[in-house]
Every structure is written in structure tokens, then in C-alpha cells.
Protein backbone atom coordinates (compact mmCIF):
# COMPACT_ATOMS: atom_id res chain seq x y z
CA UNK A 1 44.75 -34.73 -59.59
CA UNK A 2 47.69 -35.74 -57.45
CA UNK A 3 45.86 -35.23 -54.16
CA UNK A 4 45.21 -38.16 -51.88
CA UNK A 5 41.60 -39.02 -51.07
CA UNK A 6 40.32 -37.95 -47.63
CA UNK A 7 39.37 -40.78 -45.22
CA UNK A 8 35.70 -41.61 -45.48
CA UNK A 9 33.79 -41.14 -42.24
CA UNK A 10 30.10 -41.40 -41.26
CA UNK A 11 28.50 -37.92 -41.06
CA UNK A 12 27.31 -38.31 -37.44
CA UNK A 13 30.74 -39.54 -36.32
CA UNK A 14 32.38 -36.74 -38.28
CA UNK A 15 30.55 -34.19 -36.10
CA UNK A 16 31.86 -35.91 -32.97
CA UNK A 17 35.37 -36.02 -34.37
CA UNK A 18 35.22 -32.30 -35.23
CA UNK A 19 34.08 -31.64 -31.64
CA UNK A 20 37.07 -33.59 -30.32
CA UNK A 21 39.45 -31.64 -32.53
CA UNK A 22 37.98 -28.34 -31.42
CA UNK A 23 38.20 -29.33 -27.72
CA UNK A 24 41.79 -30.46 -28.16
CA UNK A 25 42.77 -27.09 -29.68
CA UNK A 26 41.12 -25.20 -26.82
CA UNK A 27 42.80 -27.46 -24.22
CA UNK A 28 46.29 -27.05 -25.72
CA UNK A 29 45.82 -23.27 -25.93
CA UNK A 30 44.35 -22.73 -22.46
CA UNK A 31 46.17 -25.48 -20.50
CA UNK A 32 43.50 -25.60 -17.80
CA UNK A 33 41.93 -28.66 -16.14
CA UNK A 34 38.53 -27.59 -17.33
CA UNK A 35 39.46 -27.55 -21.01
CA UNK A 36 41.39 -30.84 -20.81
CA UNK A 37 38.46 -32.48 -19.03
CA UNK A 38 36.12 -31.19 -21.75
CA UNK A 39 38.42 -32.77 -24.35
CA UNK A 40 38.47 -36.04 -22.43
CA UNK A 41 34.63 -35.99 -22.23
CA UNK A 42 34.38 -35.36 -25.98
CA UNK A 43 36.79 -38.22 -26.69
CA UNK A 44 34.76 -40.47 -24.32
CA UNK A 45 31.57 -39.66 -26.24
CA UNK A 46 33.24 -40.50 -29.53
CA UNK A 47 34.71 -43.68 -28.11
CA UNK A 48 31.30 -44.80 -26.91
CA UNK A 49 29.83 -44.11 -30.31
CA UNK A 50 32.35 -45.90 -32.44
CA UNK A 51 34.34 -48.17 -30.06
CA UNK A 52 38.14 -48.20 -30.08
CA UNK A 53 38.82 -51.83 -29.44
CA UNK A 54 36.88 -53.52 -32.21
CA UNK A 55 33.96 -54.21 -29.87
CA UNK A 56 31.48 -53.50 -32.67
CA UNK A 57 31.04 -55.84 -35.56
CA UNK A 58 32.55 -54.60 -38.81
CA UNK A 59 30.99 -57.25 -41.07
CA UNK A 60 27.66 -56.23 -42.62
CA UNK A 61 24.98 -58.91 -42.22
CA UNK A 62 26.79 -60.74 -39.43
CA UNK A 63 24.26 -62.80 -37.47
CA UNK A 64 26.63 -63.71 -34.64
CA UNK A 65 27.54 -60.34 -33.21
CA UNK A 66 24.28 -58.74 -34.26
CA UNK A 67 21.59 -61.45 -34.18
CA UNK A 68 18.39 -60.89 -36.17
CA UNK A 69 15.39 -60.55 -33.83
CA UNK A 70 12.73 -63.20 -34.21
CA UNK A 71 9.64 -61.94 -36.08
CA UNK A 72 6.48 -64.05 -36.26
CA UNK A 73 4.98 -64.03 -39.78
CA UNK A 74 1.55 -65.75 -40.28
CA UNK A 75 1.45 -68.36 -42.99
CA UNK A 76 0.63 -66.94 -46.41
CA UNK A 77 1.50 -63.39 -45.42
CA UNK A 78 4.30 -61.77 -47.45
CA UNK A 79 6.24 -59.21 -45.45
CA UNK A 80 7.67 -56.20 -47.34
CA UNK A 81 11.47 -55.94 -47.35
CA UNK A 82 12.95 -53.90 -44.56
CA UNK A 83 14.03 -50.40 -45.55
CA UNK A 84 17.75 -50.02 -46.10
CA UNK A 85 19.68 -48.84 -43.05
CA UNK A 86 22.12 -45.98 -43.28
CA UNK A 87 24.89 -47.96 -41.52
CA UNK A 88 28.52 -46.85 -41.58
CA UNK A 89 30.74 -48.89 -43.87
CA UNK A 90 33.64 -50.89 -42.45
CA UNK A 91 36.03 -48.31 -43.77
CA UNK A 92 34.13 -45.49 -42.06
CA UNK A 93 34.15 -47.49 -38.79
CA UNK A 94 37.94 -48.14 -38.97
CA UNK A 95 38.70 -44.46 -39.63
CA UNK A 96 36.49 -43.27 -36.82
CA UNK A 97 37.89 -45.88 -34.41
CA UNK A 98 41.44 -44.84 -35.22
CA UNK A 99 40.55 -41.21 -34.54
CA UNK A 100 38.76 -42.06 -31.27
CA UNK A 101 41.71 -44.12 -30.10
CA UNK A 102 44.18 -41.28 -30.68
CA UNK A 103 41.82 -38.63 -29.22
CA UNK A 104 41.28 -40.71 -26.02
CA UNK A 105 45.01 -41.29 -25.65
CA UNK A 106 45.92 -37.60 -26.28
CA UNK A 107 43.22 -36.41 -23.85
CA UNK A 108 44.53 -38.84 -21.12
CA UNK A 109 48.13 -37.71 -21.63
CA UNK A 110 47.27 -34.02 -21.61
CA UNK A 111 45.03 -34.21 -18.56
CA UNK A 112 47.37 -36.55 -16.75
CA UNK A 113 50.40 -34.36 -17.45
CA UNK A 114 48.63 -31.23 -16.20
CA UNK A 115 47.34 -32.99 -13.08
CA UNK A 116 50.86 -34.21 -12.37
CA UNK A 117 52.15 -30.62 -12.57
CA UNK A 118 49.47 -29.55 -10.11
CA UNK A 119 50.56 -32.24 -7.67
CA UNK A 120 47.43 -34.37 -8.07
CA UNK A 121 49.30 -37.58 -8.77
CA UNK A 122 46.46 -39.96 -7.98
CA UNK A 123 44.15 -38.35 -10.49
CA UNK A 124 47.05 -38.20 -12.97
CA UNK A 125 47.52 -41.97 -12.69
CA UNK A 126 43.81 -42.52 -13.44
CA UNK A 127 43.93 -40.22 -16.50
CA UNK A 128 47.05 -41.85 -17.83
CA UNK A 129 45.54 -45.29 -17.29
CA UNK A 130 42.73 -44.22 -19.64
CA UNK A 131 45.32 -43.24 -22.19
CA UNK A 132 47.06 -46.60 -21.92
CA UNK A 133 43.80 -48.43 -22.22
CA UNK A 134 43.29 -46.70 -25.55
CA UNK A 135 46.87 -47.22 -26.71
CA UNK A 136 49.17 -49.35 -24.56
CA UNK A 137 52.03 -48.75 -26.99
CA UNK A 138 52.30 -45.06 -26.06
CA UNK A 139 55.69 -44.63 -24.35
CA UNK A 140 54.91 -41.06 -23.14
CA UNK A 141 51.92 -42.30 -21.15
CA UNK A 142 54.02 -45.04 -19.53
CA UNK A 143 56.74 -42.49 -18.59
CA UNK A 144 54.35 -39.95 -17.14
CA UNK A 145 52.55 -42.62 -15.12
CA UNK A 146 55.93 -43.80 -13.78
CA UNK A 147 56.63 -40.23 -12.67
CA UNK A 148 53.24 -40.00 -10.90
CA UNK A 149 53.90 -43.23 -8.97
CA UNK A 150 57.47 -42.12 -8.18
CA UNK A 151 56.15 -38.94 -6.55
CA UNK A 152 54.04 -41.14 -4.19
CA UNK A 153 57.24 -42.86 -2.96
CA UNK A 154 57.29 -44.91 0.27
CA UNK A 155 58.16 -48.58 -0.13
CA UNK A 156 59.30 -51.32 -2.50
CA UNK A 157 55.85 -52.01 -3.92
CA UNK A 158 55.71 -48.55 -5.42
CA UNK A 159 59.25 -48.85 -6.67
CA UNK A 160 58.33 -52.05 -8.49
CA UNK A 161 55.48 -50.43 -10.34
CA UNK A 162 57.67 -47.48 -11.24
CA UNK A 163 60.31 -49.78 -12.64
CA UNK A 164 57.68 -51.70 -14.59
CA UNK A 165 56.38 -48.50 -16.17
CA UNK A 166 59.87 -47.13 -17.00
CA UNK A 167 61.05 -50.42 -18.56
CA UNK A 168 57.85 -50.62 -20.62
CA UNK A 169 58.52 -47.05 -21.82
CA UNK A 170 62.11 -47.95 -22.68
CA UNK A 171 60.97 -50.95 -24.72
CA UNK A 172 58.56 -48.79 -26.71
CA UNK A 173 61.28 -46.15 -27.35
CA UNK A 174 64.25 -48.09 -28.73
CA UNK A 175 65.97 -44.87 -29.77
CA UNK A 176 66.33 -43.80 -26.13
CA UNK A 177 69.53 -44.50 -24.27
CA UNK A 178 69.09 -47.64 -22.16
CA UNK A 179 71.51 -46.25 -19.63
CA UNK A 180 69.30 -43.23 -19.16
CA UNK A 181 66.37 -45.49 -18.34
CA UNK A 182 68.52 -47.30 -15.79
CA UNK A 183 69.50 -43.98 -14.18
CA UNK A 184 65.80 -43.08 -13.96
CA UNK A 185 65.03 -46.31 -12.18
CA UNK A 186 67.92 -45.70 -9.74
CA UNK A 187 66.72 -42.18 -9.09
CA UNK A 188 63.22 -43.48 -8.33
CA UNK A 189 64.69 -46.07 -5.96
CA UNK A 190 66.67 -43.34 -4.16
CA UNK A 191 63.55 -41.17 -3.88
CA UNK A 192 61.53 -44.08 -2.43
CA UNK A 193 64.20 -44.89 0.15
CA UNK A 194 64.57 -41.23 1.14
CA UNK A 195 60.84 -40.75 1.63
CA UNK A 196 60.42 -44.07 3.47
CA UNK A 197 62.90 -42.89 6.12
CA UNK A 198 61.25 -39.44 6.37
CA UNK A 199 58.33 -39.48 8.86
CA UNK A 200 55.10 -37.83 7.80
CA UNK A 201 54.73 -34.28 8.97
CA UNK A 202 51.50 -32.79 10.21
CA UNK A 203 52.53 -29.21 10.78
CA UNK A 204 51.14 -26.33 8.73
CA UNK A 205 47.87 -24.48 8.46
CA UNK A 206 44.49 -26.24 8.41
CA UNK A 207 44.29 -25.66 4.65
CA UNK A 208 47.68 -27.29 4.16
CA UNK A 209 46.73 -30.28 6.24
CA UNK A 210 43.48 -30.65 4.32
CA UNK A 211 45.45 -30.58 1.02
CA UNK A 212 47.88 -33.21 2.37
CA UNK A 213 44.98 -35.40 3.47
CA UNK A 214 43.30 -35.03 0.05
CA UNK A 215 46.53 -36.07 -1.69
CA UNK A 216 46.87 -39.11 0.56
CA UNK A 217 43.25 -40.14 -0.11
CA UNK A 218 43.84 -39.89 -3.87
CA UNK A 219 47.06 -41.93 -3.51
CA UNK A 220 45.24 -44.56 -1.51
CA UNK A 221 42.46 -44.89 -4.09
CA UNK A 222 44.97 -45.21 -6.97
CA UNK A 223 47.08 -47.76 -5.13
CA UNK A 224 43.98 -49.83 -4.30
CA UNK A 225 43.12 -49.93 -7.96
CA UNK A 226 46.66 -51.16 -8.69
CA UNK A 227 46.31 -53.90 -6.10
CA UNK A 228 48.94 -52.40 -3.70
CA UNK A 229 46.67 -52.85 -0.67
CA UNK A 230 49.40 -52.70 2.02
CA UNK A 231 50.71 -49.38 0.75
CA UNK A 232 47.21 -48.03 0.18
CA UNK A 233 46.34 -48.99 3.79
CA UNK A 234 49.23 -46.94 5.15
CA UNK A 235 48.18 -43.94 3.05
CA UNK A 236 44.60 -44.07 4.41
CA UNK A 237 45.87 -44.24 8.01
CA UNK A 238 48.08 -41.22 7.41
CA UNK A 239 45.07 -39.35 6.01
CA UNK A 240 43.04 -40.33 9.09
CA UNK A 241 45.69 -38.82 11.37
CA UNK A 242 45.48 -35.53 9.46
CA UNK A 243 41.66 -35.51 9.18
CA UNK A 244 41.11 -36.26 12.84
CA UNK A 245 42.92 -33.03 13.67
CA UNK A 246 40.71 -30.95 11.38
CA UNK A 247 37.41 -29.40 12.60
CA UNK A 248 34.04 -29.78 10.96
CA UNK A 249 31.64 -32.56 9.84
CA UNK A 250 33.23 -32.84 6.37
CA UNK A 251 36.63 -33.71 7.84
CA UNK A 252 35.00 -36.30 10.11
CA UNK A 253 33.09 -37.85 7.19
CA UNK A 254 36.30 -38.03 5.17
CA UNK A 255 38.11 -39.64 8.09
CA UNK A 256 35.36 -42.25 8.49
CA UNK A 257 35.51 -43.04 4.78
CA UNK A 258 39.32 -43.37 4.97
CA UNK A 259 38.93 -45.84 7.88
CA UNK A 260 36.46 -47.87 5.80
CA UNK A 261 38.87 -47.97 2.86
CA UNK A 262 41.77 -48.89 5.13
CA UNK A 263 39.64 -51.78 6.47
CA UNK A 264 38.83 -52.81 2.91
CA UNK A 265 42.61 -52.93 2.15
CA UNK A 266 43.23 -55.19 5.15
CA UNK A 267 40.49 -57.59 3.94
CA UNK A 268 42.41 -57.96 0.67
CA UNK A 269 45.61 -58.95 2.45
CA UNK A 270 46.37 -62.51 3.58
CA UNK A 271 46.33 -63.25 7.27
CA UNK A 272 44.41 -61.96 10.27
CA UNK A 273 44.34 -58.18 10.60
CA UNK A 274 42.71 -55.80 13.12
CA UNK A 275 39.77 -54.68 10.97
CA UNK A 276 37.44 -54.27 13.95
CA UNK A 277 39.38 -51.33 15.38
CA UNK A 278 38.77 -49.39 12.20
CA UNK A 279 35.06 -50.28 12.00
CA UNK A 280 33.89 -50.33 15.65
CA UNK A 281 33.22 -46.60 15.93
CA UNK A 282 31.64 -46.20 12.49
CA UNK A 283 27.84 -46.28 12.42
CA UNK A 284 27.38 -47.54 8.87
CA UNK A 285 26.25 -50.64 7.12
CA UNK A 286 29.53 -50.85 5.23
CA UNK A 287 31.50 -50.88 8.45
CA UNK A 288 29.34 -53.73 9.78
CA UNK A 289 29.81 -55.72 6.63
CA UNK A 290 33.56 -55.35 6.64
CA UNK A 291 33.80 -56.23 10.28
CA UNK A 292 31.59 -59.28 9.64
CA UNK A 293 33.93 -60.37 6.80
CA UNK A 294 36.97 -60.07 9.13
CA UNK A 295 35.24 -62.04 11.92
CA UNK A 296 34.18 -64.75 9.45
CA UNK A 297 37.79 -65.08 8.24
CA UNK A 298 38.89 -65.44 11.85
CA UNK A 299 36.30 -68.19 12.47
CA UNK A 300 34.10 -66.11 14.77
CA UNK A 301 30.90 -67.05 12.88
CA UNK A 302 28.46 -66.03 15.66
CA UNK A 303 29.82 -62.49 15.85
CA UNK A 304 29.93 -62.29 12.05
CA UNK A 305 26.26 -63.35 11.81
CA UNK A 306 25.32 -60.74 14.44
CA UNK A 307 27.03 -58.06 12.37
CA UNK A 308 25.21 -59.17 9.24
CA UNK A 309 21.84 -59.05 11.01
CA UNK A 310 22.55 -55.61 12.36
CA UNK A 311 23.63 -54.46 8.88
CA UNK A 312 20.40 -55.78 7.43
CA UNK A 313 18.34 -53.97 10.05
CA UNK A 314 20.22 -50.72 9.57
CA UNK A 315 19.71 -50.78 5.80
CA UNK A 316 15.88 -51.12 6.06
């Protein structure tokens, strides 16, 4: 007597939830990327099983979300009743969804924070985006993602997204000093301006250049997903400059991929851009398709058609 009842949860989901809790304990104790990724994978499995956004119907017997399949029954034949299904109750589903939502958010914040400490800001942005998708009211995720973008620095488009994230975090944390949030925005603006005037450096060992190129490629991919195509394009070109100076087929393949992504960024921008110079030397179907899209935009339909035909032949 006097003790509150424990939340009711379906037995199968309870095992997944216990697996999430165990993974989270290991991740917090070890603080390694492997353990945090394992926790994120466990949370993903639970999220897929129960859903965290109400995507599964909670009403038993609903024929809209879960239509009854048509079953032909001959006239005069009496079908036996269907056996009862061991379906989770609405309460079980709500409890499991709440747990999955928190686990997904915690895993994204933990993984994103550790990636940010390791200097892998692009991957950190992706992990924190997963956390915000699970719980967009989490101020810590907005703040960490702002820090990841601020480390990218370069131009006003990044500054705008940093400000957006910081102001969102300030709105979700009314106890924080508003002046402190304004100082954070000003510091980000100063960092962006400072980095924009600082030309990219290419000195260092081959390993250091390879790491710089990898960071730029991650930045470019993240910025593309955010719709910042102009900034992403510049990141890919800087990565190409570094990769072209590195020996080996892997560096060449990475440089070719960066050129393709840079061309893809230009195709997303208004106006006429020199996509052909990025695609001319690349023997791939994707390069032909992107060059064809650029030529079609320019009105050179004959050349675009020739590229499309060549792309079709090369893909056979």
C-alpha cells in the first residue's frame, strides 16, 4: 500500500526497453562512439517497433488505419471466429512510445555531444537532428547543434542557422538569461567573420590533410541537407583542393565524389553555373546526368540529349 503502480508495458516491448536502458548505462560509463552508437541503434529498434510520433493506431478495432482484409466466404458457410490477438493496449503503447521518444533523444544528444568533442561536427549535426526529430522541445539538442554549426563558420548563411538554433534554445529555456543568449549569438557572428577572412590552409602532413578533407566533406553533406547549397559548394571545392594533392586511388575517388556533390549544389542554386567544368573529367553516369541537367537549364537541348543518351549507354 502507498506505492504507485508501475507503467504497464507489452512484454516484447519491455525487452527492447530494457535493452535500451542497458545500452545507455554502458554508453554513459564508457563514453565511446561505439557504445553511444549501440545505444542509438537500440533506440532506433524500439522506435521502429512502437513508433514515437503516433504513427500507429491506438484505437482497437479501427478500420481506417488498419483496414480489415477482404475474405471471400461461400454462401451458407459459417466461419469460426478469429482467435484473439495479443495486441498491446493503448496504455502500453503510450508508455512504450514515451520511453522510445526519450531514448532516441538521449541517444542523439549523447552521440552528438561526443562527436562534437571529437571535432566531427557534420556527424554531430546529423545525430542531434535525430534527437530533435524525436523531441523538438529539447533545448540541449538545439544548443549543441548550434555549437556544431558555429564551428563550421564561414558566411552569413551559417550564422543565420546558428542564430535560429540559439534563439530556439532560449525560448525553450525561459530560466536562462536572455542577455547570455544574445552574447552567444554575437560570439558566433564574430567567429564566422574571423573564419571567413582567414584563407584555408593546406599545409601539414598527408594524414592531417586527409582529416581536413574528411571534415570538409562531412560539413558539405550536412549543409546540403540543411539547404545551404552555396556554402556546401564551397566546402566541397575546398575538399577537392586537398584531395587532389593526396596520392592514391581512394583520394581520387573521394575528390571525384566531391566534384559531383559540388555540381549537385550548383544545380540547386538559381541562375546559370559552370557545372560542366566539374563533370567533364568524371567518367560516370551521375556526372553525365548532372551535366545534362545544367545544359537543359541553359537551353542547350541537343547537348543535354547527347549526355542523356551517353548516360543510358554507360549504365547498360
